[in-house]
Amino acid sequence: MIRRLSLILLTILLFLAAGLMTAIFIFRHPTPLEFQQASADHPVRFPRDEAAHFQARTDWWYYTGFLTDQEGKRYGFELVFFKSYVPSAVRVANMVPINWVSNPIYFAHFALSDQDAEEHVFFERVSFPRFWTAGARADRYEVWNGGWRAWADGIQHHLRADSGRYRLRLDLETSKAPVLHGPAGTGVIEMGQAGPSYYYSRVDLDGVGLLYIDGQRYAVQASAWMDHQWGSWDLHQGFSGWDWFSLRLEDGSRVMLFNFRDESGGLQPQSAGSWITAEGVVQHLEPEDYSLQVGDQWTSPETGGTYPVAWELSIPDYDLEARVEATFPDQELPIRFGPIYWEGTVTVDGTSNGRGFVEMTGYAPESSH
């Protein structure tokens, strides 16, 4: 009797193991033997390149923006999805290479900032080991991680996220063409020794949605900026971090700046940006076309990282002289999986006024936990 039960149990375990292995091979994508590199010979194409790129090491889809409810209360939000192949050196229980089990890995971040109360909350998700709960499509733009999801149907973008006390539902639309960054207008930027990257933005997404806080429903107007970047760069090569700016000026102009810092904090020559006119015309900016001088700084009590929170920005060719300043300092994301970073809302005051977002990496220890 005992032997018979043991055989039944063994059969069940083998059946479950076979099912698990079948699921692994259905849901995972084999790690490419050679990753695709970004190249101006193969410029960005739409709608093809809105979807995931499983021959590239990394994809990310990044939404940042502003919400205003019917009573005029203001929020900033961030919703970002990452797809990344993990090196074989990363192992489960120090034994099995993680890319045998689940590759690529999917991460996601969701943050909200109450502009009036100066409160910032964030949440993160990672697909491992529940690799079946996250994914991305290669045939059209749709990415998800648990119940968090982003997808697009032509010019319409839809966002869904919920965690803790908060739920967000946004439906956005743009009438403008995507902005292809880079000196040749092909959507390819250089990241120094790390390698090239594909990069485009949708800088004017507007729409409506619902924000739930503690079950209370608020109808909101939304304005957002979306970045999609992908490639096979190595973030451990050639620079210690970056400062990224997306600024929306009241005259309809938009500014993207992407500064790469070396180990001493100096600006690397691959730093660059884009000036986008109200009509959507894109002008590439080289490092000599603009300057950013750091003003005030803030030190995180949680991680010890010290971040700039104010800058003097000058873009002479477009008559922009302005102070860019965080709406409040404490907008750091001390995430558990991946490098800690600061991503927050800023104001622009000067010859042109506006608002935007700044992202900063490389200022805090690798992990605060």
Protein backbone atom coordinates (compact mmCIF):
# COMPACT_ATOMS: atom_id res chain seq x y z
CA MET A 1 0.00 0.00 0.00
CA ILE A 2 2.80 2.39 0.98
CA ARG A 3 4.71 1.53 -2.18
CA ARG A 4 1.63 2.13 -4.28
CA LEU A 5 1.06 5.55 -2.68
CA SER A 6 4.72 6.41 -3.26
CA LEU A 7 4.38 5.54 -6.94
CA ILE A 8 1.23 7.65 -7.22
CA LEU A 9 2.97 10.56 -5.50
CA LEU A 10 6.01 10.20 -7.75
CA THR A 11 3.78 10.14 -10.83
CA ILE A 12 2.02 13.30 -9.69
CA LEU A 13 5.34 15.05 -9.04
CA LEU A 14 6.68 14.02 -12.45
CA PHE A 15 3.47 15.24 -14.09
CA LEU A 16 3.73 18.60 -12.31
CA ALA A 17 7.42 18.90 -13.21
CA ALA A 18 6.65 18.15 -16.85
CA GLY A 19 3.88 20.74 -16.80
CA LEU A 20 6.22 23.30 -15.26
CA MET A 21 8.93 22.66 -17.84
CA THR A 22 6.35 22.87 -20.64
CA ALA A 23 5.13 26.19 -19.28
CA ILE A 24 8.70 27.46 -19.06
CA PHE A 25 9.38 26.70 -22.70
CA ILE A 26 6.04 28.14 -23.81
CA PHE A 27 6.40 31.42 -21.94
CA ARG A 28 10.14 32.09 -22.01
CA HIS A 29 12.12 33.43 -24.95
CA PRO A 30 15.44 31.71 -25.59
CA THR A 31 18.35 34.05 -24.93
CA PRO A 32 19.77 35.12 -28.32
CA LEU A 33 23.24 33.82 -29.08
CA GLU A 34 24.08 37.34 -30.25
CA PHE A 35 22.13 40.44 -29.27
CA GLN A 36 21.03 42.92 -31.90
CA GLN A 37 22.83 46.27 -31.81
CA ALA A 38 21.15 49.56 -32.64
CA SER A 39 22.26 50.93 -35.99
CA ALA A 40 21.34 53.94 -38.12
CA ASP A 41 21.36 51.51 -41.06
CA HIS A 42 18.15 50.11 -39.60
CA PRO A 43 16.24 53.19 -38.38
CA VAL A 44 13.13 53.09 -36.23
CA ARG A 45 9.97 52.11 -38.09
CA PHE A 46 6.34 52.37 -37.00
CA PRO A 47 4.25 50.54 -35.97
CA ARG A 48 6.79 47.69 -35.94
CA ASP A 49 9.10 49.17 -33.33
CA GLU A 50 6.42 50.03 -30.80
CA ALA A 51 6.37 46.34 -29.87
CA ALA A 52 8.96 44.32 -27.93
CA HIS A 53 12.34 43.44 -29.44
CA PHE A 54 13.38 39.97 -28.33
CA GLN A 55 16.70 40.16 -30.18
CA ALA A 56 17.73 43.16 -28.07
CA ARG A 57 19.01 42.83 -24.51
CA THR A 58 16.69 45.48 -23.06
CA ASP A 59 13.40 47.24 -23.82
CA TRP A 60 11.70 49.83 -21.68
CA TRP A 61 8.45 51.74 -22.09
CA TYR A 62 8.31 54.81 -19.87
CA TYR A 63 5.33 57.02 -19.05
CA THR A 64 5.62 60.14 -16.89
CA GLY A 65 2.98 62.78 -16.53
CA PHE A 66 0.57 64.93 -14.61
CA LEU A 67 -2.97 64.41 -13.35
CA THR A 68 -5.51 67.02 -12.24
CA ASP A 69 -8.77 66.02 -10.59
CA GLN A 70 -12.09 67.88 -10.73
CA GLU A 71 -11.23 69.87 -7.60
CA GLY A 72 -7.92 71.01 -9.02
CA LYS A 73 -5.72 68.70 -6.97
CA ARG A 74 -2.51 67.83 -8.81
CA TYR A 75 -0.47 64.63 -9.04
CA GLY A 76 2.57 63.41 -10.90
CA PHE A 77 2.73 59.79 -12.04
CA GLU A 78 5.23 57.32 -13.44
CA LEU A 79 4.48 53.93 -14.98
CA VAL A 80 7.34 52.03 -16.58
CA PHE A 81 7.80 48.51 -17.92
CA PHE A 82 11.17 46.82 -18.45
CA LYS A 83 12.07 43.70 -20.42
CA SER A 84 15.65 42.56 -19.90
CA TYR A 85 17.68 39.43 -20.50
CA VAL A 86 19.62 38.39 -17.42
CA PRO A 87 23.24 37.16 -17.79
CA SER A 88 23.89 33.46 -17.24
CA ALA A 89 26.12 34.38 -14.28
CA VAL A 90 22.93 35.18 -12.32
CA ARG A 91 21.84 31.89 -10.77
CA VAL A 92 18.92 30.48 -8.80
CA ALA A 93 20.13 29.21 -5.39
CA ASN A 94 23.67 29.79 -6.70
CA MET A 95 23.23 26.75 -8.93
CA VAL A 96 20.91 27.01 -11.93
CA PRO A 97 21.47 29.90 -14.39
CA ILE A 98 18.34 32.03 -14.23
CA ASN A 99 18.16 32.23 -18.01
CA TRP A 100 17.49 28.47 -18.08
CA VAL A 101 14.31 29.08 -16.13
CA SER A 102 12.98 32.49 -17.09
CA ASN A 103 14.39 34.89 -19.61
CA PRO A 104 13.83 37.69 -20.24
CA ILE A 105 12.85 39.05 -16.83
CA TYR A 106 10.14 41.72 -16.63
CA PHE A 107 10.18 44.58 -14.13
CA ALA A 108 7.70 47.41 -13.61
CA HIS A 109 7.56 50.59 -11.50
CA PHE A 110 4.52 52.64 -10.55
CA ALA A 111 4.81 55.94 -8.66
CA LEU A 112 2.49 58.78 -7.65
CA SER A 113 3.36 62.18 -6.21
CA ASP A 114 0.80 64.37 -4.48
CA GLN A 115 1.97 67.82 -5.56
CA ASP A 116 0.09 69.71 -2.86
CA ALA A 117 0.88 67.43 0.08
CA GLU A 118 4.43 66.79 -1.21
CA GLU A 119 4.04 63.04 -0.77
CA HIS A 120 5.60 60.44 -3.04
CA VAL A 121 4.80 56.71 -3.15
CA PHE A 122 6.14 53.99 -5.40
CA PHE A 123 5.67 50.29 -6.07
CA GLU A 124 7.60 47.71 -8.06
CA ARG A 125 6.98 44.32 -9.62
CA VAL A 126 9.30 41.65 -10.95
CA SER A 127 8.19 38.59 -12.89
CA PHE A 128 10.66 36.06 -11.45
CA PRO A 129 9.81 33.43 -10.32
CA ARG A 130 6.21 33.95 -11.50
CA PHE A 131 7.39 34.36 -15.08
CA TRP A 132 3.94 33.61 -16.52
CA THR A 133 2.45 36.77 -14.96
CA ALA A 134 4.39 39.20 -17.16
CA GLY A 135 5.27 39.59 -20.79
CA ALA A 136 5.30 41.65 -23.95
CA ARG A 137 4.16 41.09 -27.51
CA ALA A 138 6.41 41.25 -30.55
CA ASP A 139 3.61 41.68 -33.11
CA ARG A 140 2.02 44.80 -31.53
CA TYR A 141 2.53 47.08 -28.58
CA GLU A 142 1.28 45.45 -25.39
CA VAL A 143 3.24 44.89 -22.21
CA TRP A 144 2.07 43.73 -18.79
CA ASN A 145 3.26 42.73 -15.35
CA GLY A 146 0.53 41.19 -13.24
CA GLY A 147 -2.43 43.57 -13.43
CA TRP A 148 -0.26 46.47 -14.60
CA ARG A 149 -0.58 46.95 -18.31
CA ALA A 150 0.13 49.34 -21.19
CA TRP A 151 -1.00 48.99 -24.77
CA ALA A 152 -1.64 51.14 -27.79
CA ASP A 153 -4.01 51.06 -30.71
CA GLY A 154 -2.64 53.52 -33.23
CA ILE A 155 -2.39 56.89 -31.54
CA GLN A 156 -4.35 55.81 -28.46
CA HIS A 157 -2.45 54.62 -25.39
CA HIS A 158 -4.04 52.86 -22.42
CA LEU A 159 -2.48 52.47 -18.96
CA ARG A 160 -3.59 50.36 -16.01
CA ALA A 161 -1.87 50.00 -12.63
CA ASP A 162 -2.89 49.38 -9.04
CA SER A 163 -1.03 48.77 -5.80
CA GLY A 164 -1.58 49.54 -2.15
CA ARG A 165 -4.14 52.31 -1.75
CA TYR A 166 -3.97 53.37 -5.40
CA ARG A 167 -5.43 52.43 -8.77
CA LEU A 168 -4.84 54.28 -12.04
CA ARG A 169 -6.73 53.98 -15.32
CA LEU A 170 -5.71 56.31 -18.16
CA ASP A 171 -6.73 56.60 -21.81
CA LEU A 172 -4.42 58.91 -23.74
CA GLU A 173 -4.18 60.13 -27.30
CA THR A 174 -1.79 62.15 -29.44
CA SER A 175 -2.14 63.81 -32.82
CA LYS A 176 1.62 64.29 -33.26
CA ALA A 177 4.21 62.01 -34.80
CA PRO A 178 6.70 60.32 -32.46
CA VAL A 179 10.00 62.14 -31.91
CA LEU A 180 13.05 60.24 -33.19
CA HIS A 181 16.09 61.26 -31.17
CA GLY A 182 19.69 61.29 -32.35
CA PRO A 183 21.84 63.41 -34.67
CA ALA A 184 20.59 61.80 -37.89
CA GLY A 185 16.93 61.73 -36.95
CA THR A 186 16.89 57.92 -37.17
CA GLY A 187 16.07 57.24 -33.52
CA VAL A 188 19.60 56.04 -32.72
CA ILE A 189 21.63 57.64 -29.93
CA GLU A 190 25.16 56.90 -28.75
CA MET A 191 25.81 55.91 -25.13
CA GLY A 192 29.61 55.90 -25.27
CA GLN A 193 31.37 52.66 -24.37
CA ALA A 194 28.02 51.20 -23.31
CA GLY A 195 26.91 51.06 -26.94
CA PRO A 196 24.17 52.60 -29.11
CA SER A 197 20.45 52.63 -28.37
CA TYR A 198 17.19 53.10 -30.21
CA TYR A 199 15.11 55.86 -28.66
CA TYR A 200 11.90 57.68 -29.54
CA SER A 201 9.33 59.67 -27.54
CA ARG A 202 5.72 60.68 -27.69
CA VAL A 203 5.88 64.07 -26.03
CA ASP A 204 2.21 65.12 -26.11
CA LEU A 205 -0.13 62.44 -24.83
CA ASP A 206 -3.34 63.87 -23.40
CA GLY A 207 -6.49 62.28 -22.13
CA VAL A 208 -8.70 61.36 -19.23
CA GLY A 209 -8.84 58.67 -16.62
CA LEU A 210 -9.66 57.57 -13.12
CA LEU A 211 -7.50 57.66 -10.01
CA TYR A 212 -8.65 55.65 -7.00
CA ILE A 213 -7.27 56.40 -3.53
CA ASP A 214 -8.52 54.21 -0.68
CA GLY A 215 -11.42 53.22 -2.90
CA GLN A 216 -12.45 56.83 -3.53
CA ARG A 217 -12.78 57.54 -7.25
CA TYR A 218 -11.46 60.74 -8.84
CA ALA A 219 -11.93 61.68 -12.49
CA VAL A 220 -8.70 63.18 -13.81
CA GLN A 221 -7.35 65.06 -16.79
CA ALA A 222 -3.96 63.65 -17.84
CA SER A 223 -0.93 64.92 -19.74
CA ALA A 224 1.93 62.51 -20.34
CA TRP A 225 5.29 61.92 -22.03
CA MET A 226 6.18 58.42 -23.23
CA ASP A 227 9.67 57.06 -23.99
CA HIS A 228 10.49 53.76 -25.66
CA GLN A 229 14.14 52.78 -25.62
CA TRP A 230 15.74 49.48 -26.59
CA GLY A 231 19.09 48.02 -27.48
CA SER A 232 21.91 45.85 -26.21
CA TRP A 233 24.02 48.37 -24.33
CA ASP A 234 26.05 47.53 -21.23
CA LEU A 235 25.22 49.94 -18.42
CA HIS A 236 28.41 48.98 -16.58
CA GLN A 237 30.63 50.35 -19.34
CA GLY A 238 31.79 53.90 -19.72
CA PHE A 239 29.64 55.97 -17.38
CA SER A 240 28.54 56.14 -13.76
CA GLY A 241 25.00 57.41 -14.28
CA TRP A 242 22.79 59.79 -16.19
CA ASP A 243 20.50 62.79 -15.77
CA TRP A 244 17.45 62.81 -18.05
CA PHE A 245 15.13 65.79 -18.51
CA SER A 246 11.75 65.95 -20.23
CA LEU A 247 10.47 69.53 -20.14
CA ARG A 248 7.17 70.86 -21.48
CA LEU A 249 7.15 74.60 -22.05
CA GLU A 250 4.01 76.72 -22.08
CA ASP A 251 4.60 77.85 -25.68
CA GLY A 252 4.24 74.23 -26.83
CA SER A 253 7.97 73.53 -27.19
CA ARG A 254 9.43 70.38 -25.64
CA VAL A 255 12.97 69.65 -24.47
CA MET A 256 14.70 66.30 -23.91
CA LEU A 257 18.21 66.24 -22.43
CA PHE A 258 20.19 63.06 -21.73
CA ASN A 259 23.44 63.73 -19.84
CA PHE A 260 25.86 60.87 -19.23
CA ARG A 261 28.31 61.29 -16.33
CA ASP A 262 31.76 59.76 -15.97
CA GLU A 263 33.22 58.48 -12.70
CA SER A 264 34.24 61.99 -11.63
CA GLY A 265 30.78 63.39 -12.37
CA GLY A 266 31.86 65.14 -15.55
CA LEU A 267 29.73 65.35 -18.68
CA GLN A 268 30.55 62.77 -21.33
CA PRO A 269 30.66 63.76 -25.03
CA GLN A 270 27.82 61.36 -25.92
CA SER A 271 25.42 63.53 -23.92
CA ALA A 272 22.82 65.12 -26.16
CA GLY A 273 19.23 66.24 -26.43
CA SER A 274 16.35 67.30 -28.64
CA TRP A 275 14.46 70.55 -29.02
CA ILE A 276 10.94 69.90 -30.31
CA THR A 277 8.95 72.86 -31.63
CA ALA A 278 5.24 73.27 -30.98
CA GLU A 279 4.69 72.02 -34.54
CA GLY A 280 6.70 68.85 -33.85
CA VAL A 281 9.91 69.76 -35.71
CA VAL A 282 12.90 68.10 -34.00
CA GLN A 283 16.31 69.74 -33.67
CA HIS A 284 19.21 67.71 -32.29
CA LEU A 285 21.23 69.28 -29.46
CA GLU A 286 24.92 68.56 -28.93
CA PRO A 287 26.56 69.15 -25.50
CA GLU A 288 27.88 72.54 -26.62
CA ASP A 289 24.32 73.66 -27.47
CA TYR A 290 23.14 73.74 -23.85
CA SER A 291 24.39 73.95 -20.28
CA LEU A 292 23.03 72.69 -16.96
CA GLN A 293 24.55 74.08 -13.79
CA VAL A 294 23.65 72.26 -10.58
CA GLY A 295 22.18 74.38 -7.79
CA ASP A 296 20.56 72.99 -4.64
CA GLN A 297 21.07 69.38 -3.58
CA TRP A 298 19.17 66.95 -1.36
CA THR A 299 20.37 63.91 0.57
CA SER A 300 18.04 60.94 0.93
CA PRO A 301 17.58 59.91 4.57
CA GLU A 302 16.87 56.34 3.41
CA THR A 303 19.75 55.61 1.03
CA GLY A 304 22.28 58.38 1.72
CA GLY A 305 22.33 59.32 -1.95
CA THR A 306 22.80 63.04 -2.66
CA TYR A 307 20.89 64.36 -5.68
CA PRO A 308 20.72 67.72 -7.43
CA VAL A 309 17.23 69.19 -7.10
CA ALA A 310 17.74 72.51 -8.92
CA TRP A 311 19.58 73.50 -12.10
CA GLU A 312 20.25 76.59 -14.18
CA LEU A 313 19.47 75.66 -17.79
CA SER A 314 20.64 77.59 -20.82
CA ILE A 315 19.86 76.81 -24.48
CA PRO A 316 21.02 80.01 -26.26
CA ASP A 317 19.88 79.13 -29.80
CA TYR A 318 16.30 78.94 -28.54
CA ASP A 319 16.52 81.85 -26.09
CA LEU A 320 15.86 79.62 -23.09
CA GLU A 321 17.33 80.70 -19.77
CA ALA A 322 15.51 79.04 -16.90
CA ARG A 323 15.71 77.55 -13.45
CA VAL A 324 14.59 73.92 -13.33
CA GLU A 325 13.63 72.88 -9.81
CA ALA A 326 12.06 69.85 -8.15
CA THR A 327 8.53 70.52 -6.92
CA PHE A 328 9.72 68.80 -3.73
CA PRO A 329 12.96 66.87 -3.07
CA ASP A 330 11.81 63.49 -1.76
CA GLN A 331 10.96 61.68 -5.01
CA GLU A 332 13.56 58.92 -4.85
CA LEU A 333 12.71 55.31 -5.74
CA PRO A 334 14.80 53.01 -3.52
CA ILE A 335 13.67 49.92 -5.41
CA ARG A 336 14.77 46.42 -4.41
CA PHE A 337 15.43 45.03 -7.88
CA GLY A 338 17.78 47.21 -9.90
CA PRO A 339 19.64 50.46 -9.34
CA ILE A 340 18.08 53.08 -7.07
CA TYR A 341 17.07 56.25 -8.89
CA TRP A 342 15.30 59.60 -8.48
CA GLU A 343 12.38 60.34 -10.77
CA GLY A 344 10.26 63.36 -10.04
CA THR A 345 8.29 66.40 -11.10
CA VAL A 346 10.01 69.73 -11.76
CA THR A 347 9.04 73.29 -12.63
CA VAL A 348 10.65 75.51 -15.28
CA ASP A 349 10.82 79.27 -14.60
CA GLY A 350 12.60 81.75 -16.87
CA THR A 351 12.35 83.13 -20.37
CA SER A 352 9.87 80.28 -20.89
CA ASN A 353 7.93 78.58 -18.12
CA GLY A 354 6.76 75.02 -17.90
CA ARG A 355 6.99 71.74 -16.05
CA GLY A 356 8.42 68.31 -16.56
CA PHE A 357 10.23 65.31 -15.12
CA VAL A 358 13.84 64.56 -14.25
CA GLU A 359 15.40 61.13 -13.80
CA MET A 360 18.78 60.65 -12.11
CA THR A 361 20.75 57.43 -11.69
CA GLY A 362 24.10 56.67 -10.11
CA TYR A 363 23.81 58.94 -7.07
CA ALA A 364 22.84 56.32 -4.48
CA PRO A 365 24.38 52.98 -3.44
CA GLU A 366 23.39 49.99 -5.56
CA SER A 367 20.96 48.85 -2.88
CA SER A 368 19.71 50.30 0.39
CA HIS A 369 18.34 46.97 1.62
